[in-house]
Amino acid sequence: MTRTLTVGLTGGVASGKSLVQQAFVDLGVPVLDADQVARDVVAPGTPALAAIAEAFGPTALLGDGQLDRRRLREWVFADPGARRRLEAITHPAIRAAMRRWREARTEPYCILSVAILLEGGMRELVDRVLVVDVAEAEQLRRLMLRDGGRRETAEGILAAQTSRSARLAAADDVIDNSGSPEQARAAVAVLHAHYLALAAGRVAPAPGLRLPHP
């Protein structure tokens, strides 16, 4: 049995990955959002949540047994060691859940939407990498506008992510999202046809596409 072609969708913060993801959903493409998976694997009663409580103590949980996301976020942001401990618990659970979802697909192709696809060691889960790209100055502008935050904070968030050059080096396909939402959706439509053709064996898997065309 031939496995469904799997595309990994990623991009830096404020690049417009959510817009592109929704455009694929609107075309009927099955998309799994890693953010939702990350919430599911730490739901009450899961092994990952129990492991977090053991590693970080009972104060990692709220009174109702849910994960105290804000407290944990503060810990891992301030302490790289704490972040690594958390990732050692959650990332294997997230990868396993995504693998199960991918292997259950019967459609021509599917998408795993993962902000940390590269730095999270999840590249092995996909056949192709699609990067949503904008210039770092535009990322910074959008991030400050979205969050209403200070420039120093936004720069810190960008610095904590995989660099733009590393993402582009790993990309098979790129959507340049420096234009309008309509241009991004048009690029998704082109890629949708391309991925259907790839899945059907009608075109070779290389070279990659960068859209819109320069």
N, C-alpha and C. Protein backbone atom coordinates (compact mmCIF):
# COMPACT_ATOMS: atom_id res chain seq x y z
N MET A 1 0.85 -1.20 0.00
CA MET A 1 0.00 0.00 0.00
C MET A 1 0.88 1.24 0.00
N THR A 2 0.59 2.21 -0.89
CA THR A 2 1.37 3.43 -0.99
C THR A 2 0.93 4.41 0.08
N ARG A 3 1.90 4.96 0.82
CA ARG A 3 1.58 5.90 1.86
C ARG A 3 1.23 7.25 1.26
N THR A 4 0.30 7.95 1.92
CA THR A 4 -0.10 9.28 1.49
C THR A 4 1.09 10.23 1.49
N LEU A 5 1.25 10.99 0.43
CA LEU A 5 2.28 12.03 0.38
C LEU A 5 2.05 13.00 1.53
N THR A 6 3.10 13.26 2.30
CA THR A 6 2.97 14.11 3.47
C THR A 6 3.84 15.34 3.31
N VAL A 7 3.21 16.50 3.43
CA VAL A 7 3.90 17.79 3.31
C VAL A 7 3.99 18.42 4.70
N GLY A 8 5.18 18.84 5.07
CA GLY A 8 5.37 19.54 6.33
C GLY A 8 5.31 21.03 6.10
N LEU A 9 4.34 21.68 6.72
CA LEU A 9 4.16 23.12 6.59
C LEU A 9 4.78 23.80 7.80
N THR A 10 5.68 24.75 7.54
CA THR A 10 6.32 25.46 8.63
C THR A 10 6.62 26.89 8.22
N GLY A 11 7.08 27.66 9.18
CA GLY A 11 7.40 29.06 8.93
C GLY A 11 7.68 29.75 10.24
N GLY A 12 8.41 30.84 10.17
CA GLY A 12 8.72 31.59 11.38
C GLY A 12 7.49 32.27 11.95
N VAL A 13 7.61 32.74 13.19
CA VAL A 13 6.51 33.42 13.84
C VAL A 13 6.08 34.63 13.01
N ALA A 14 4.78 34.83 12.90
CA ALA A 14 4.20 35.96 12.17
C ALA A 14 4.50 35.94 10.68
N SER A 15 4.80 34.75 10.15
CA SER A 15 5.05 34.64 8.71
C SER A 15 3.77 34.44 7.91
N GLY A 16 2.71 34.03 8.58
CA GLY A 16 1.45 33.77 7.89
C GLY A 16 1.16 32.29 7.68
N LYS A 17 1.79 31.44 8.48
CA LYS A 17 1.57 30.00 8.34
C LYS A 17 0.10 29.63 8.56
N SER A 18 -0.56 30.29 9.49
CA SER A 18 -1.96 29.98 9.77
C SER A 18 -2.85 30.29 8.57
N LEU A 19 -2.57 31.38 7.88
CA LEU A 19 -3.32 31.73 6.67
C LEU A 19 -3.16 30.65 5.61
N VAL A 20 -1.94 30.21 5.38
CA VAL A 20 -1.67 29.18 4.39
C VAL A 20 -2.32 27.86 4.81
N GLN A 21 -2.21 27.53 6.08
CA GLN A 21 -2.83 26.31 6.58
C GLN A 21 -4.33 26.31 6.31
N GLN A 22 -5.00 27.41 6.60
CA GLN A 22 -6.45 27.49 6.39
C GLN A 22 -6.79 27.39 4.91
N ALA A 23 -5.94 27.93 4.06
CA ALA A 23 -6.19 27.85 2.61
C ALA A 23 -6.17 26.40 2.14
N PHE A 24 -5.26 25.60 2.67
CA PHE A 24 -5.25 24.18 2.33
C PHE A 24 -6.50 23.48 2.87
N VAL A 25 -6.91 23.82 4.09
CA VAL A 25 -8.13 23.25 4.67
C VAL A 25 -9.33 23.57 3.78
N ASP A 26 -9.40 24.81 3.31
CA ASP A 26 -10.52 25.23 2.46
C ASP A 26 -10.57 24.45 1.15
N LEU A 27 -9.43 23.92 0.73
CA LEU A 27 -9.38 23.11 -0.49
C LEU A 27 -9.67 21.63 -0.21
N GLY A 28 -9.97 21.32 1.04
CA GLY A 28 -10.32 19.95 1.40
C GLY A 28 -9.14 19.07 1.73
N VAL A 29 -7.96 19.67 1.93
CA VAL A 29 -6.77 18.89 2.25
C VAL A 29 -6.77 18.57 3.75
N PRO A 30 -6.53 17.31 4.14
CA PRO A 30 -6.44 17.00 5.57
C PRO A 30 -5.19 17.62 6.17
N VAL A 31 -5.37 18.41 7.23
CA VAL A 31 -4.27 19.11 7.89
C VAL A 31 -4.29 18.78 9.38
N LEU A 32 -3.16 18.41 9.92
CA LEU A 32 -3.03 18.21 11.36
C LEU A 32 -2.14 19.30 11.91
N ASP A 33 -2.67 20.07 12.85
CA ASP A 33 -1.95 21.18 13.47
C ASP A 33 -1.23 20.66 14.70
N ALA A 34 0.09 20.79 14.72
CA ALA A 34 0.87 20.29 15.84
C ALA A 34 0.53 21.00 17.14
N ASP A 35 0.05 22.25 17.07
CA ASP A 35 -0.33 22.95 18.29
C ASP A 35 -1.47 22.23 18.99
N GLN A 36 -2.43 21.73 18.20
CA GLN A 36 -3.54 20.99 18.79
C GLN A 36 -3.05 19.65 19.34
N VAL A 37 -2.15 19.00 18.63
CA VAL A 37 -1.59 17.74 19.11
C VAL A 37 -0.86 17.97 20.43
N ALA A 38 -0.12 19.07 20.51
CA ALA A 38 0.62 19.38 21.73
C ALA A 38 -0.32 19.56 22.92
N ARG A 39 -1.49 20.11 22.68
CA ARG A 39 -2.48 20.24 23.76
C ARG A 39 -3.08 18.89 24.11
N ASP A 40 -3.34 18.08 23.10
CA ASP A 40 -3.98 16.78 23.34
C ASP A 40 -3.09 15.84 24.15
N VAL A 41 -1.77 15.86 23.87
CA VAL A 41 -0.90 14.88 24.52
C VAL A 41 -0.64 15.19 25.99
N VAL A 42 -1.03 16.40 26.43
CA VAL A 42 -0.86 16.74 27.86
C VAL A 42 -2.21 16.94 28.53
N ALA A 43 -3.26 16.37 27.96
CA ALA A 43 -4.58 16.44 28.59
C ALA A 43 -4.56 15.62 29.87
N PRO A 44 -5.46 15.91 30.82
CA PRO A 44 -5.51 15.13 32.06
C PRO A 44 -5.65 13.64 31.77
N GLY A 45 -4.88 12.86 32.50
CA GLY A 45 -4.91 11.41 32.34
C GLY A 45 -3.89 10.86 31.37
N THR A 46 -3.15 11.73 30.66
CA THR A 46 -2.17 11.25 29.69
C THR A 46 -0.83 10.98 30.38
N PRO A 47 -0.05 10.03 29.84
CA PRO A 47 1.28 9.77 30.41
C PRO A 47 2.18 11.00 30.39
N ALA A 48 2.07 11.83 29.35
CA ALA A 48 2.93 13.01 29.26
C ALA A 48 2.64 13.99 30.39
N LEU A 49 1.38 14.19 30.72
CA LEU A 49 1.05 15.11 31.81
C LEU A 49 1.57 14.58 33.14
N ALA A 50 1.44 13.28 33.35
CA ALA A 50 1.97 12.69 34.58
C ALA A 50 3.48 12.87 34.66
N ALA A 51 4.17 12.72 33.53
CA ALA A 51 5.62 12.89 33.51
C ALA A 51 6.01 14.34 33.78
N ILE A 52 5.23 15.30 33.27
CA ILE A 52 5.50 16.71 33.53
C ILE A 52 5.34 17.02 35.00
N ALA A 53 4.26 16.52 35.60
CA ALA A 53 4.03 16.75 37.03
C ALA A 53 5.17 16.17 37.87
N GLU A 54 5.69 15.02 37.44
CA GLU A 54 6.80 14.40 38.18
C GLU A 54 8.08 15.21 38.01
N ALA A 55 8.31 15.72 36.80
CA ALA A 55 9.55 16.45 36.53
C ALA A 55 9.55 17.86 37.10
N PHE A 56 8.39 18.51 37.09
CA PHE A 56 8.33 19.92 37.49
C PHE A 56 7.60 20.16 38.81
N GLY A 57 6.99 19.12 39.34
CA GLY A 57 6.29 19.27 40.61
C GLY A 57 4.82 19.58 40.42
N PRO A 58 4.04 19.46 41.50
CA PRO A 58 2.58 19.65 41.40
C PRO A 58 2.16 21.06 41.01
N THR A 59 3.05 22.04 41.19
CA THR A 59 2.68 23.41 40.82
C THR A 59 2.62 23.58 39.30
N ALA A 60 3.04 22.57 38.54
CA ALA A 60 2.90 22.62 37.08
C ALA A 60 1.46 22.42 36.65
N LEU A 61 0.59 22.01 37.60
CA LEU A 61 -0.81 21.75 37.29
C LEU A 61 -1.71 22.77 37.96
N LEU A 62 -2.84 23.03 37.32
CA LEU A 62 -3.88 23.86 37.92
C LEU A 62 -4.71 23.02 38.89
N GLY A 63 -5.58 23.67 39.63
CA GLY A 63 -6.38 22.97 40.61
C GLY A 63 -7.27 21.90 40.02
N ASP A 64 -7.66 22.06 38.74
CA ASP A 64 -8.54 21.07 38.11
C ASP A 64 -7.78 19.96 37.40
N GLY A 65 -6.46 19.94 37.58
CA GLY A 65 -5.66 18.89 36.97
C GLY A 65 -5.14 19.21 35.59
N GLN A 66 -5.54 20.35 35.05
CA GLN A 66 -5.02 20.75 33.74
C GLN A 66 -3.60 21.29 33.89
N LEU A 67 -2.86 21.26 32.79
CA LEU A 67 -1.52 21.82 32.77
C LEU A 67 -1.59 23.34 32.94
N ASP A 68 -0.75 23.88 33.80
CA ASP A 68 -0.66 25.33 33.96
C ASP A 68 0.30 25.86 32.89
N ARG A 69 -0.25 26.14 31.75
CA ARG A 69 0.58 26.49 30.60
C ARG A 69 1.36 27.78 30.82
N ARG A 70 0.73 28.76 31.44
CA ARG A 70 1.41 30.03 31.63
C ARG A 70 2.62 29.88 32.55
N ARG A 71 2.44 29.16 33.66
CA ARG A 71 3.56 28.95 34.58
C ARG A 71 4.68 28.18 33.90
N LEU A 72 4.31 27.13 33.17
CA LEU A 72 5.32 26.31 32.51
C LEU A 72 6.05 27.10 31.43
N ARG A 73 5.30 27.93 30.72
CA ARG A 73 5.92 28.77 29.69
C ARG A 73 6.96 29.70 30.30
N GLU A 74 6.63 30.27 31.46
CA GLU A 74 7.58 31.16 32.13
C GLU A 74 8.83 30.41 32.56
N TRP A 75 8.66 29.18 33.05
CA TRP A 75 9.81 28.38 33.47
C TRP A 75 10.73 28.10 32.30
N VAL A 76 10.18 27.60 31.21
CA VAL A 76 11.02 27.15 30.11
C VAL A 76 11.62 28.32 29.35
N PHE A 77 10.95 29.48 29.38
CA PHE A 77 11.51 30.65 28.71
C PHE A 77 12.74 31.15 29.46
N ALA A 78 12.71 31.03 30.80
CA ALA A 78 13.81 31.54 31.62
C ALA A 78 14.93 30.52 31.81
N ASP A 79 14.65 29.24 31.57
CA ASP A 79 15.61 28.19 31.89
C ASP A 79 15.71 27.19 30.73
N PRO A 80 16.78 27.28 29.93
CA PRO A 80 16.93 26.34 28.80
C PRO A 80 16.93 24.89 29.24
N GLY A 81 17.44 24.61 30.42
CA GLY A 81 17.43 23.23 30.90
C GLY A 81 16.02 22.73 31.13
N ALA A 82 15.17 23.61 31.66
CA ALA A 82 13.77 23.24 31.86
C ALA A 82 13.07 23.01 30.53
N ARG A 83 13.42 23.83 29.55
CA ARG A 83 12.82 23.65 28.22
C ARG A 83 13.21 22.29 27.64
N ARG A 84 14.47 21.92 27.80
CA ARG A 84 14.90 20.63 27.27
C ARG A 84 14.21 19.47 27.99
N ARG A 85 14.01 19.60 29.30
CA ARG A 85 13.30 18.55 30.03
C ARG A 85 11.86 18.41 29.54
N LEU A 86 11.22 19.56 29.32
CA LEU A 86 9.84 19.53 28.84
C LEU A 86 9.77 18.92 27.44
N GLU A 87 10.67 19.33 26.56
CA GLU A 87 10.66 18.81 25.19
C GLU A 87 10.94 17.32 25.15
N ALA A 88 11.78 16.82 26.07
CA ALA A 88 12.08 15.40 26.13
C ALA A 88 10.84 14.59 26.48
N ILE A 89 9.90 15.22 27.16
CA ILE A 89 8.64 14.55 27.50
C ILE A 89 7.62 14.69 26.38
N THR A 90 7.45 15.91 25.87
CA THR A 90 6.34 16.17 24.95
C THR A 90 6.65 15.82 23.50
N HIS A 91 7.86 16.05 23.04
CA HIS A 91 8.14 15.85 21.62
C HIS A 91 7.95 14.41 21.16
N PRO A 92 8.43 13.40 21.91
CA PRO A 92 8.16 12.03 21.47
C PRO A 92 6.67 11.71 21.40
N ALA A 93 5.89 12.23 22.35
CA ALA A 93 4.44 11.99 22.34
C ALA A 93 3.79 12.68 21.14
N ILE A 94 4.25 13.87 20.83
CA ILE A 94 3.70 14.60 19.68
C ILE A 94 4.05 13.88 18.38
N ARG A 95 5.30 13.44 18.25
CA ARG A 95 5.72 12.73 17.03
C ARG A 95 4.92 11.45 16.86
N ALA A 96 4.71 10.72 17.94
CA ALA A 96 3.96 9.46 17.84
C ALA A 96 2.53 9.71 17.40
N ALA A 97 1.88 10.74 17.96
CA ALA A 97 0.50 11.06 17.58
C ALA A 97 0.41 11.49 16.13
N MET A 98 1.39 12.28 15.68
CA MET A 98 1.38 12.73 14.29
C MET A 98 1.63 11.57 13.34
N ARG A 99 2.49 10.66 13.74
CA ARG A 99 2.77 9.49 12.90
C ARG A 99 1.52 8.62 12.75
N ARG A 100 0.80 8.43 13.85
CA ARG A 100 -0.44 7.63 13.79
C ARG A 100 -1.46 8.28 12.86
N TRP A 101 -1.59 9.60 12.95
CA TRP A 101 -2.54 10.32 12.09
C TRP A 101 -2.12 10.20 10.62
N ARG A 102 -0.85 10.38 10.37
CA ARG A 102 -0.34 10.30 8.98
C ARG A 102 -0.58 8.91 8.39
N GLU A 103 -0.33 7.88 9.17
CA GLU A 103 -0.45 6.52 8.65
C GLU A 103 -1.90 6.10 8.45
N ALA A 104 -2.83 6.84 9.04
CA ALA A 104 -4.25 6.54 8.85
C ALA A 104 -4.84 7.24 7.63
N ARG A 105 -4.07 8.10 6.98
CA ARG A 105 -4.59 8.86 5.84
C ARG A 105 -4.68 8.00 4.59
N THR A 106 -5.73 8.25 3.81
CA THR A 106 -5.92 7.57 2.53
C THR A 106 -6.05 8.57 1.38
N GLU A 107 -6.01 9.87 1.70
CA GLU A 107 -6.13 10.91 0.67
C GLU A 107 -4.83 10.99 -0.15
N PRO A 108 -4.86 11.66 -1.31
CA PRO A 108 -3.64 11.76 -2.11
C PRO A 108 -2.47 12.39 -1.35
N TYR A 109 -2.75 13.45 -0.60
CA TYR A 109 -1.69 14.03 0.22
C TYR A 109 -2.31 14.68 1.45
N CYS A 110 -1.47 14.87 2.45
CA CYS A 110 -1.91 15.50 3.69
C CYS A 110 -0.82 16.46 4.15
N ILE A 111 -1.15 17.27 5.15
CA ILE A 111 -0.21 18.28 5.64
C ILE A 111 -0.08 18.16 7.16
N LEU A 112 1.16 18.15 7.60
CA LEU A 112 1.48 18.31 9.02
C LEU A 112 1.96 19.74 9.20
N SER A 113 1.22 20.53 9.96
CA SER A 113 1.56 21.93 10.19
C SER A 113 2.31 22.04 11.51
N VAL A 114 3.61 22.32 11.43
CA VAL A 114 4.47 22.26 12.61
C VAL A 114 5.42 23.46 12.61
N ALA A 115 5.23 24.37 13.56
CA ALA A 115 6.12 25.53 13.64
C ALA A 115 7.56 25.11 13.89
N ILE A 116 7.76 24.04 14.69
CA ILE A 116 9.11 23.58 15.03
C ILE A 116 9.47 22.30 14.26
N LEU A 117 9.02 22.22 13.04
CA LEU A 117 9.27 21.03 12.23
C LEU A 117 10.76 20.69 12.17
N LEU A 118 11.60 21.70 12.02
CA LEU A 118 13.03 21.47 11.85
C LEU A 118 13.73 21.33 13.20
N GLU A 119 13.53 22.31 14.09
CA GLU A 119 14.23 22.26 15.37
C GLU A 119 13.67 21.20 16.31
N GLY A 120 12.44 20.74 16.04
CA GLY A 120 11.83 19.72 16.88
C GLY A 120 12.13 18.30 16.44
N GLY A 121 12.98 18.13 15.43
CA GLY A 121 13.35 16.80 14.98
C GLY A 121 12.22 16.05 14.31
N MET A 122 11.33 16.77 13.62
CA MET A 122 10.16 16.13 13.02
C MET A 122 10.23 16.07 11.50
N ARG A 123 11.37 16.43 10.94
CA ARG A 123 11.53 16.39 9.48
C ARG A 123 11.31 15.00 8.93
N GLU A 124 11.64 13.97 9.71
CA GLU A 124 11.50 12.60 9.25
C GLU A 124 10.05 12.19 9.02
N LEU A 125 9.10 12.97 9.54
CA LEU A 125 7.69 12.62 9.41
C LEU A 125 7.10 13.02 8.07
N VAL A 126 7.82 13.83 7.29
CA VAL A 126 7.24 14.38 6.07
C VAL A 126 8.10 14.04 4.86
N ASP A 127 7.45 14.10 3.69
CA ASP A 127 8.15 13.86 2.44
C ASP A 127 8.70 15.14 1.83
N ARG A 128 8.00 16.24 2.05
CA ARG A 128 8.42 17.54 1.53
C ARG A 128 8.22 18.59 2.61
N VAL A 129 9.01 19.64 2.53
CA VAL A 129 8.90 20.77 3.46
C VAL A 129 8.45 22.00 2.69
N LEU A 130 7.34 22.58 3.14
CA LEU A 130 6.83 23.82 2.57
C LEU A 130 7.02 24.92 3.60
N VAL A 131 7.80 25.93 3.25
CA VAL A 131 8.10 27.04 4.15
C VAL A 131 7.32 28.28 3.72
N VAL A 132 6.62 28.88 4.69
CA VAL A 132 6.00 30.18 4.47
C VAL A 132 7.03 31.22 4.91
N ASP A 133 7.39 32.11 4.00
CA ASP A 133 8.54 32.98 4.22
C ASP A 133 8.19 34.45 4.07
N VAL A 134 8.72 35.25 4.98
CA VAL A 134 8.74 36.70 4.83
C VAL A 134 10.08 37.19 5.36
N ALA A 135 10.46 38.39 4.98
CA ALA A 135 11.70 38.97 5.48
C ALA A 135 11.61 39.15 7.00
N GLU A 136 12.75 39.06 7.67
CA GLU A 136 12.76 39.17 9.13
C GLU A 136 12.24 40.52 9.60
N ALA A 137 12.50 41.58 8.85
CA ALA A 137 11.99 42.89 9.24
C ALA A 137 10.46 42.90 9.21
N GLU A 138 9.87 42.19 8.25
CA GLU A 138 8.41 42.11 8.17
C GLU A 138 7.86 41.23 9.29
N GLN A 139 8.56 40.14 9.61
CA GLN A 139 8.16 39.32 10.75
C GLN A 139 8.11 40.18 12.01
N LEU A 140 9.15 40.95 12.22
CA LEU A 140 9.24 41.79 13.42
C LEU A 140 8.09 42.79 13.46
N ARG A 141 7.80 43.42 12.32
CA ARG A 141 6.72 44.40 12.26
C ARG A 141 5.38 43.76 12.58
N ARG A 142 5.11 42.60 11.97
CA ARG A 142 3.84 41.92 12.20
C ARG A 142 3.71 41.44 13.63
N LEU A 143 4.81 40.94 14.18
CA LEU A 143 4.78 40.42 15.55
C LEU A 143 4.48 41.54 16.55
N MET A 144 5.10 42.67 16.38
CA MET A 144 4.86 43.80 17.27
C MET A 144 3.43 44.31 17.12
N LEU A 145 2.94 44.32 15.89
CA LEU A 145 1.58 44.78 15.65
C LEU A 145 0.57 43.80 16.24
N ARG A 146 0.84 42.51 16.10
CA ARG A 146 -0.08 41.49 16.60
C ARG A 146 -0.15 41.46 18.11
N ASP A 147 1.00 41.51 18.75
CA ASP A 147 1.06 41.34 20.19
C ASP A 147 1.10 42.66 20.96
N GLY A 148 1.27 43.75 20.25
CA GLY A 148 1.36 45.03 20.92
C GLY A 148 2.54 45.12 21.87
N GLY A 149 3.60 44.39 21.53
CA GLY A 149 4.74 44.30 22.43
C GLY A 149 5.88 45.23 22.06
N ARG A 150 6.92 45.19 22.88
CA ARG A 150 8.10 46.00 22.66
C ARG A 150 8.99 45.33 21.62
N ARG A 151 9.79 46.14 20.97
CA ARG A 151 10.68 45.62 19.93
C ARG A 151 11.66 44.60 20.50
N GLU A 152 12.19 44.87 21.70
CA GLU A 152 13.17 43.96 22.30
C GLU A 152 12.56 42.58 22.54
N THR A 153 11.30 42.55 22.99
CA THR A 153 10.63 41.28 23.23
C THR A 153 10.44 40.52 21.93
N ALA A 154 9.99 41.24 20.90
CA ALA A 154 9.77 40.60 19.59
C ALA A 154 11.09 40.07 19.02
N GLU A 155 12.15 40.82 19.18
CA GLU A 155 13.45 40.37 18.68
C GLU A 155 13.91 39.12 19.42
N GLY A 156 13.62 39.04 20.72
CA GLY A 156 13.97 37.86 21.49
C GLY A 156 13.23 36.63 21.01
N ILE A 157 11.95 36.80 20.65
CA ILE A 157 11.15 35.68 20.14
C ILE A 157 11.72 35.18 18.82
N LEU A 158 12.08 36.12 17.94
CA LEU A 158 12.66 35.73 16.65
C LEU A 158 14.00 35.03 16.84
N ALA A 159 14.80 35.52 17.77
CA ALA A 159 16.13 34.96 17.98
C ALA A 159 16.07 33.53 18.52
N ALA A 160 14.97 33.19 19.20
CA ALA A 160 14.84 31.86 19.78
C ALA A 160 14.44 30.81 18.75
N GLN A 161 14.06 31.24 17.55
CA GLN A 161 13.61 30.31 16.53
C GLN A 161 14.74 29.94 15.57
N THR A 162 14.51 28.88 14.81
CA THR A 162 15.42 28.55 13.72
C THR A 162 15.54 29.74 12.78
N SER A 163 16.72 30.00 12.29
CA SER A 163 16.93 31.17 11.45
C SER A 163 16.19 31.03 10.12
N ARG A 164 15.90 32.17 9.55
CA ARG A 164 15.23 32.18 8.24
C ARG A 164 16.07 31.43 7.21
N SER A 165 17.38 31.63 7.22
CA SER A 165 18.24 30.99 6.23
C SER A 165 18.21 29.47 6.38
N ALA A 166 18.14 28.98 7.62
CA ALA A 166 18.09 27.54 7.84
C ALA A 166 16.77 26.95 7.35
N ARG A 167 15.68 27.67 7.58
CA ARG A 167 14.38 27.19 7.08
C ARG A 167 14.38 27.12 5.57
N LEU A 168 14.88 28.16 4.93
CA LEU A 168 14.88 28.17 3.47
C LEU A 168 15.80 27.10 2.90
N ALA A 169 16.90 26.83 3.58
CA ALA A 169 17.82 25.79 3.12
C ALA A 169 17.16 24.41 3.18
N ALA A 170 16.24 24.23 4.12
CA ALA A 170 15.58 22.94 4.29
C ALA A 170 14.32 22.81 3.43
N ALA A 171 13.90 23.90 2.79
CA ALA A 171 12.62 23.91 2.08
C ALA A 171 12.69 23.18 0.74
N ASP A 172 11.63 22.44 0.45
CA ASP A 172 11.41 21.94 -0.90
C ASP A 172 10.59 22.94 -1.71
N ASP A 173 9.65 23.57 -1.04
CA ASP A 173 8.79 24.57 -1.67
C ASP A 173 8.67 25.76 -0.74
N VAL A 174 8.46 26.94 -1.31
CA VAL A 174 8.39 28.17 -0.52
C VAL A 174 7.23 29.02 -1.00
N ILE A 175 6.44 29.54 -0.06
CA ILE A 175 5.46 30.57 -0.36
C ILE A 175 5.98 31.88 0.21
N ASP A 176 6.23 32.85 -0.67
CA ASP A 176 6.64 34.18 -0.24
C ASP A 176 5.37 34.92 0.16
N ASN A 177 5.19 35.12 1.46
CA ASN A 177 3.96 35.71 1.98
C ASN A 177 4.12 37.18 2.31
N SER A 178 4.94 37.88 1.54
CA SER A 178 5.11 39.31 1.76
C SER A 178 4.03 40.13 1.06
N GLY A 179 3.20 39.46 0.26
CA GLY A 179 2.13 40.16 -0.45
C GLY A 179 0.81 40.09 0.28
N SER A 180 -0.27 40.05 -0.48
CA SER A 180 -1.62 40.06 0.08
C SER A 180 -2.08 38.64 0.42
N PRO A 181 -3.10 38.52 1.28
CA PRO A 181 -3.67 37.19 1.55
C PRO A 181 -4.17 36.51 0.28
N GLU A 182 -4.68 37.28 -0.66
CA GLU A 182 -5.17 36.71 -1.91
C GLU A 182 -4.02 36.07 -2.69
N GLN A 183 -2.86 36.73 -2.69
CA GLN A 183 -1.70 36.16 -3.38
C GLN A 183 -1.25 34.86 -2.70
N ALA A 184 -1.31 34.83 -1.38
CA ALA A 184 -0.93 33.62 -0.66
C ALA A 184 -1.88 32.48 -0.99
N ARG A 185 -3.19 32.77 -1.03
CA ARG A 185 -4.16 31.72 -1.34
C ARG A 185 -4.01 31.24 -2.78
N ALA A 186 -3.65 32.15 -3.70
CA ALA A 186 -3.41 31.74 -5.08
C ALA A 186 -2.19 30.82 -5.16
N ALA A 187 -1.16 31.11 -4.36
CA ALA A 187 0.02 30.25 -4.33
C ALA A 187 -0.33 28.87 -3.79
N VAL A 188 -1.20 28.82 -2.78
CA VAL A 188 -1.64 27.54 -2.23
C VAL A 188 -2.37 26.73 -3.31
N ALA A 189 -3.19 27.39 -4.12
CA ALA A 189 -3.91 26.68 -5.18
C ALA A 189 -2.95 26.05 -6.18
N VAL A 190 -1.87 26.77 -6.50
CA VAL A 190 -0.87 26.22 -7.42
C VAL A 190 -0.18 25.01 -6.79
N LEU A 191 0.18 25.14 -5.52
CA LEU A 191 0.85 24.03 -4.84
C LEU A 191 -0.09 22.84 -4.67
N HIS A 192 -1.36 23.11 -4.44
CA HIS A 192 -2.34 22.04 -4.31
C HIS A 192 -2.35 21.17 -5.57
N ALA A 193 -2.40 21.82 -6.73
CA ALA A 193 -2.37 21.08 -7.99
C ALA A 193 -1.05 20.33 -8.15
N HIS A 194 0.03 20.97 -7.73
CA HIS A 194 1.36 20.34 -7.84
C HIS A 194 1.45 19.10 -6.95
N TYR A 195 0.96 19.19 -5.72
CA TYR A 195 1.02 18.05 -4.81
C TYR A 195 0.12 16.91 -5.26
N LEU A 196 -1.02 17.25 -5.83
CA LEU A 196 -1.88 16.19 -6.37
C LEU A 196 -1.17 15.46 -7.51
N ALA A 197 -0.47 16.23 -8.35
CA ALA A 197 0.27 15.61 -9.44
C ALA A 197 1.43 14.77 -8.92
N LEU A 198 2.12 15.27 -7.89
CA LEU A 198 3.19 14.50 -7.28
C LEU A 198 2.67 13.18 -6.72
N ALA A 199 1.55 13.27 -6.02
CA ALA A 199 0.98 12.08 -5.39
C ALA A 199 0.57 11.04 -6.43
N ALA A 200 0.13 11.53 -7.60
CA ALA A 200 -0.30 10.63 -8.67
C ALA A 200 0.86 10.16 -9.54
N GLY A 201 2.06 10.67 -9.28
CA GLY A 201 3.23 10.27 -10.06
C GLY A 201 3.28 10.91 -11.42
N ARG A 202 2.55 12.04 -11.60
CA ARG A 202 2.52 12.67 -12.92
C ARG A 202 3.68 13.63 -13.15
N VAL A 203 4.34 14.05 -12.07
CA VAL A 203 5.49 14.94 -12.20
C VAL A 203 6.59 14.43 -11.28
N ALA A 204 7.83 14.81 -11.58
CA ALA A 204 8.96 14.44 -10.73
C ALA A 204 8.93 15.26 -9.46
N PRO A 205 9.49 14.75 -8.37
CA PRO A 205 9.43 15.46 -7.10
C PRO A 205 10.33 16.68 -7.00
N ALA A 206 11.16 16.96 -7.99
CA ALA A 206 12.03 18.13 -7.96
C ALA A 206 11.99 18.77 -9.35
N PRO A 207 12.28 20.03 -9.51
CA PRO A 207 12.69 20.94 -8.46
C PRO A 207 11.52 21.48 -7.65
N GLY A 208 11.83 22.21 -6.57
CA GLY A 208 10.80 22.79 -5.74
C GLY A 208 10.21 24.04 -6.38
N LEU A 209 9.15 24.52 -5.77
CA LEU A 209 8.48 25.72 -6.24
C LEU A 209 8.65 26.85 -5.24
N ARG A 210 8.86 28.06 -5.75
CA ARG A 210 8.81 29.25 -4.92
C ARG A 210 7.73 30.15 -5.50
N LEU A 211 6.73 30.42 -4.70
CA LEU A 211 5.57 31.15 -5.16
C LEU A 211 5.29 32.36 -4.25
N PRO A 212 4.73 33.45 -4.81
CA PRO A 212 4.56 33.70 -6.25
C PRO A 212 5.92 33.73 -6.95
N HIS A 213 5.88 33.48 -8.26
CA HIS A 213 7.13 33.49 -9.03
C HIS A 213 7.71 34.90 -9.04
N PRO A 214 9.05 35.02 -8.89
CA PRO A 214 9.65 36.35 -8.94
C PRO A 214 9.38 37.02 -10.27
